[in-house]
Amino acid sequence: MESVIVEIRAAEGGEDAKLLVLEQLAVYGKFSTRKGYQVEIVSQRPGIATLRIQGSGVQSALAQETGGHRYQRVPPTERRGRVHTSTVTVAVLPEPSEAEVPIRESDLDWQYMIGSGAGGQARQKNQTAVRLTHRPSGLVIRSENERSQRQNKANALAVLRARLYEIAQGRQEAVANDSRRGMVGSGQRGDKTITLAIQRDQVTHHRTGRRTTYKRYADGHLDDLAQNE
């Protein structure tokens, strides 16, 4: 079964960009439900979310989502009704097998903490969340949304393996400060893959040239923007 790691990060737009990370997260959840994919949230904090999505053809199905998403809308916090432009960046990383990207345990530094995600009072009594540092690359991964420490460790390793694979394949120009600019762009308002004009109910994909309504996009109909075969 194919598996990808999807990372969503707030770029320009301050608090509104952080809210948009949550909305983009919901889009991919609805998309996964429509396609019958398995989806799990690896980590979710203000301004950043990491997902793991599994299913047949998932990598090609999400390929067009990589890059900057420029939202034009009236934010919920806007009192004067003015349209703001905010951006989030999306990276879709293929998850390789353990054989493709072997990782030495001696290169890993694990830290354990109390999870901050869902799980209730029982969750708060146990150190289920993990913070993984890969010493050779300096990459730092957090995983905290599963109830068990074992599953959070497995998810953190999956994210690490996906990032290391991208570096090894030369699909990024550079990795610095946990950034993947080669894939997601700068995140600046002028650097975009998709523009979402919510007031006009219009979504435009600048690489494929396809358009759809915002209502359909928000409901998970990402196939509307895919390149014609």
Protein backbone atom coordinates (compact mmCIF):
# COMPACT_ATOMS: atom_id res chain seq x y z
CA MET A 1 0.00 0.00 0.00
CA GLU A 2 1.31 3.43 -0.94
CA SER A 3 1.91 5.92 1.85
CA VAL A 4 2.75 9.63 1.89
CA ILE A 5 3.57 12.19 4.55
CA VAL A 6 1.76 15.51 4.10
CA GLU A 7 3.07 18.57 5.91
CA ILE A 8 1.08 21.81 6.10
CA ARG A 9 2.72 24.99 7.41
CA ALA A 10 1.53 28.54 7.95
CA ALA A 11 3.52 31.02 5.85
CA GLU A 12 2.34 34.63 5.42
CA GLY A 13 -0.74 35.97 7.11
CA GLY A 14 -0.09 35.62 10.84
CA GLU A 15 -2.96 34.18 12.85
CA ASP A 16 -5.14 33.71 9.79
CA ALA A 17 -2.48 31.49 8.18
CA LYS A 18 -2.50 29.33 11.31
CA LEU A 19 -6.28 28.96 11.04
CA LEU A 20 -5.89 28.00 7.39
CA VAL A 21 -3.58 25.13 8.34
CA LEU A 22 -6.56 23.62 10.17
CA GLU A 23 -8.83 24.17 7.18
CA GLN A 24 -6.31 22.59 4.81
CA LEU A 25 -6.06 19.68 7.24
CA ALA A 26 -9.84 19.23 7.03
CA VAL A 27 -9.71 19.28 3.21
CA TYR A 28 -7.26 16.37 3.13
CA GLY A 29 -9.34 14.48 5.67
CA LYS A 30 -12.45 14.77 3.49
CA PHE A 31 -10.42 13.89 0.39
CA SER A 32 -9.09 10.75 2.09
CA THR A 33 -12.60 9.71 3.11
CA ARG A 34 -13.83 10.12 -0.46
CA LYS A 35 -10.96 8.04 -1.85
CA GLY A 36 -11.11 5.38 0.85
CA TYR A 37 -7.62 6.22 2.12
CA GLN A 38 -6.41 5.70 5.66
CA VAL A 39 -5.37 8.97 7.29
CA GLU A 40 -3.79 9.69 10.65
CA ILE A 41 -2.61 12.95 12.18
CA VAL A 42 1.02 12.54 13.22
CA SER A 43 1.44 15.95 14.80
CA GLN A 44 -0.63 19.10 15.08
CA ARG A 45 0.47 22.40 16.63
CA PRO A 46 -0.42 26.03 15.93
CA GLY A 47 0.73 26.76 12.38
CA ILE A 48 1.85 23.26 11.43
CA ALA A 49 0.25 19.85 10.89
CA THR A 50 1.69 16.55 9.69
CA LEU A 51 -0.45 13.73 8.27
CA ARG A 52 0.19 10.21 7.10
CA ILE A 53 -2.12 9.05 4.29
CA GLN A 54 -2.17 5.50 2.91
CA GLY A 55 -3.95 4.09 -0.11
CA SER A 56 -3.61 2.95 -3.70
CA GLY A 57 -2.41 5.79 -5.94
CA VAL A 58 -2.24 8.31 -3.09
CA GLN A 59 1.05 9.84 -4.22
CA SER A 60 -0.18 10.75 -7.71
CA ALA A 61 -3.57 11.79 -6.32
CA LEU A 62 -1.95 14.41 -4.08
CA ALA A 63 0.98 15.39 -6.30
CA GLN A 64 -0.62 18.63 -7.48
CA GLU A 65 -1.08 19.83 -3.89
CA THR A 66 2.62 20.49 -3.32
CA GLY A 67 3.52 24.16 -3.12
CA GLY A 68 2.06 27.41 -1.84
CA HIS A 69 -1.68 27.79 -1.31
CA ARG A 70 -2.71 31.46 -1.46
CA TYR A 71 -6.00 32.16 0.28
CA GLN A 72 -7.95 35.35 -0.41
CA ARG A 73 -10.75 35.75 2.11
CA VAL A 74 -12.25 37.74 4.96
CA PRO A 75 -10.70 36.15 8.05
CA PRO A 76 -12.97 35.28 10.99
CA THR A 77 -11.10 37.87 13.07
CA GLU A 78 -11.58 40.69 10.51
CA ARG A 79 -14.14 43.19 11.85
CA ARG A 80 -14.27 45.55 8.86
CA GLY A 81 -15.02 42.95 6.20
CA ARG A 82 -11.73 43.42 4.37
CA VAL A 83 -10.31 40.63 2.19
CA HIS A 84 -6.88 39.43 3.36
CA THR A 85 -4.31 37.32 1.53
CA SER A 86 -2.66 34.56 3.56
CA THR A 87 -0.61 31.55 2.51
CA VAL A 88 0.16 28.05 3.70
CA THR A 89 2.67 25.65 2.18
CA VAL A 90 2.07 21.97 1.52
CA ALA A 91 4.69 19.24 1.05
CA VAL A 92 3.72 15.73 -0.06
CA LEU A 93 6.57 13.32 0.72
CA PRO A 94 6.53 9.69 -0.45
CA GLU A 95 7.14 7.29 2.43
CA PRO A 96 9.90 4.84 1.47
CA SER A 97 10.42 1.38 2.91
CA GLU A 98 12.92 0.61 5.66
CA ALA A 99 15.10 -1.11 3.05
CA GLU A 100 15.18 2.02 0.86
CA VAL A 101 16.17 4.32 3.73
CA PRO A 102 17.84 2.39 6.56
CA ILE A 103 18.14 4.35 9.80
CA ARG A 104 20.64 3.47 12.52
CA GLU A 105 19.27 3.53 16.05
CA SER A 106 22.59 5.00 17.24
CA ASP A 107 21.86 8.12 15.13
CA LEU A 108 18.58 8.80 16.95
CA ASP A 109 17.93 10.86 20.04
CA TRP A 110 14.48 10.23 21.57
CA GLN A 111 12.72 12.49 24.04
CA TYR A 112 9.40 11.65 25.65
CA MET A 113 6.74 14.05 26.91
CA ILE A 114 3.08 14.31 27.77
CA GLY A 115 0.97 14.55 24.63
CA SER A 116 -0.96 17.74 23.90
CA GLY A 117 -3.48 16.30 21.44
CA ALA A 118 -6.75 14.44 21.88
CA GLY A 119 -6.99 11.63 24.38
CA GLY A 120 -8.58 12.93 27.54
CA GLN A 121 -7.35 12.82 31.11
CA ALA A 122 -5.78 9.36 30.78
CA ARG A 123 -3.58 10.72 28.01
CA GLN A 124 -2.21 13.49 30.22
CA LYS A 125 -0.84 11.04 32.81
CA ASN A 126 1.51 9.28 30.37
CA GLN A 127 4.45 10.45 28.30
CA THR A 128 3.06 9.25 24.98
CA ALA A 129 4.37 12.08 22.78
CA VAL A 130 7.85 11.82 21.25
CA ARG A 131 10.44 14.24 19.91
CA LEU A 132 12.96 12.60 17.61
CA THR A 133 16.26 14.17 16.61
CA HIS A 134 18.30 12.62 13.79
CA ARG A 135 21.87 13.57 14.69
CA PRO A 136 23.53 13.32 11.24
CA SER A 137 20.98 15.56 9.49
CA GLY A 138 19.76 17.65 12.42
CA LEU A 139 16.14 16.93 11.51
CA VAL A 140 13.69 17.11 14.41
CA ILE A 141 10.35 15.28 14.30
CA ARG A 142 7.45 15.45 16.75
CA SER A 143 4.65 12.90 16.97
CA GLU A 144 1.98 13.26 19.62
CA ASN A 145 -1.49 12.44 18.33
CA GLU A 146 -1.58 8.70 19.00
CA ARG A 147 -2.48 7.29 22.40
CA SER A 148 0.51 4.96 22.57
CA GLN A 149 4.16 5.89 22.69
CA ARG A 150 4.94 2.96 20.40
CA GLN A 151 2.68 4.28 17.62
CA ASN A 152 4.02 7.82 18.01
CA LYS A 153 7.56 6.47 17.67
CA ALA A 154 6.57 4.56 14.53
CA ASN A 155 4.99 7.67 13.02
CA ALA A 156 8.02 9.83 13.85
CA LEU A 157 10.29 7.32 12.13
CA ALA A 158 8.00 7.29 9.07
CA VAL A 159 8.21 11.09 8.79
CA LEU A 160 11.98 11.04 9.26
CA ARG A 161 12.40 8.34 6.62
CA ALA A 162 10.30 10.36 4.15
CA ARG A 163 12.37 13.50 4.68
CA LEU A 164 15.67 11.65 4.37
CA TYR A 165 14.43 10.03 1.18
CA GLU A 166 13.65 13.42 -0.34
CA ILE A 167 17.11 14.68 0.54
CA ALA A 168 18.78 11.58 -0.91
CA GLN A 169 16.81 11.87 -4.16
CA GLY A 170 17.85 15.47 -4.62
CA ARG A 171 14.24 16.70 -4.76
CA GLN A 172 15.02 19.63 -2.52
CA GLU A 173 17.46 22.45 -3.11
CA ALA A 174 18.36 22.67 0.56
CA VAL A 175 17.23 21.62 3.99
CA ALA A 176 17.76 24.26 6.66
CA ASN A 177 15.78 25.08 9.76
CA ASP A 178 13.36 22.25 8.94
CA SER A 179 12.43 23.92 5.63
CA ARG A 180 11.62 22.28 2.31
CA ARG A 181 11.72 25.28 -0.01
CA GLY A 182 12.57 23.15 -3.05
CA MET A 183 9.15 21.53 -2.80
CA VAL A 184 6.84 24.05 -1.14
CA GLY A 185 8.23 27.36 -2.38
CA SER A 186 8.91 30.39 -0.23
CA GLY A 187 5.40 30.70 1.11
CA GLN A 188 5.27 34.35 0.07
CA ARG A 189 2.05 35.67 -1.40
CA GLY A 190 3.45 35.89 -4.92
CA ASP A 191 4.85 32.35 -4.83
CA LYS A 192 1.81 30.10 -5.19
CA THR A 193 0.63 26.86 -6.73
CA ILE A 194 -3.04 27.27 -5.90
CA THR A 195 -5.11 30.42 -5.37
CA LEU A 196 -8.30 30.10 -3.35
CA ALA A 197 -10.56 33.15 -3.82
CA ILE A 198 -13.21 32.28 -1.28
CA GLN A 199 -15.46 35.31 -1.82
CA ARG A 200 -15.68 34.38 -5.53
CA ASP A 201 -16.05 30.66 -4.73
CA GLN A 202 -13.15 29.92 -7.07
CA VAL A 203 -9.99 27.82 -6.83
CA THR A 204 -7.31 28.03 -9.53
CA HIS A 205 -4.38 25.65 -9.95
CA HIS A 206 -1.56 27.56 -11.64
CA ARG A 207 0.38 24.50 -12.83
CA THR A 208 -2.43 22.38 -14.26
CA GLY A 209 -4.56 25.32 -15.42
CA ARG A 210 -7.65 23.71 -13.87
CA ARG A 211 -10.34 25.45 -11.82
CA THR A 212 -13.09 24.40 -9.46
CA THR A 213 -15.33 26.00 -6.87
CA TYR A 214 -14.09 26.58 -3.35
CA LYS A 215 -17.06 24.65 -2.02
CA ARG A 216 -16.02 21.54 -3.94
CA TYR A 217 -12.36 21.92 -3.01
CA ALA A 218 -13.20 22.35 0.67
CA ASP A 219 -15.33 19.21 0.46
CA GLY A 220 -12.34 17.18 -0.72
CA HIS A 221 -12.83 17.13 -4.52
CA LEU A 222 -9.12 17.59 -5.26
CA ASP A 223 -9.42 15.59 -8.47
CA ASP A 224 -11.05 18.66 -10.05
CA LEU A 225 -7.61 20.28 -10.18
CA ALA A 226 -5.65 17.30 -11.49
CA GLN A 227 -3.96 17.45 -14.89
CA ASN A 228 -5.99 15.90 -17.71
CA GLU A 229 -4.64 12.56 -18.84
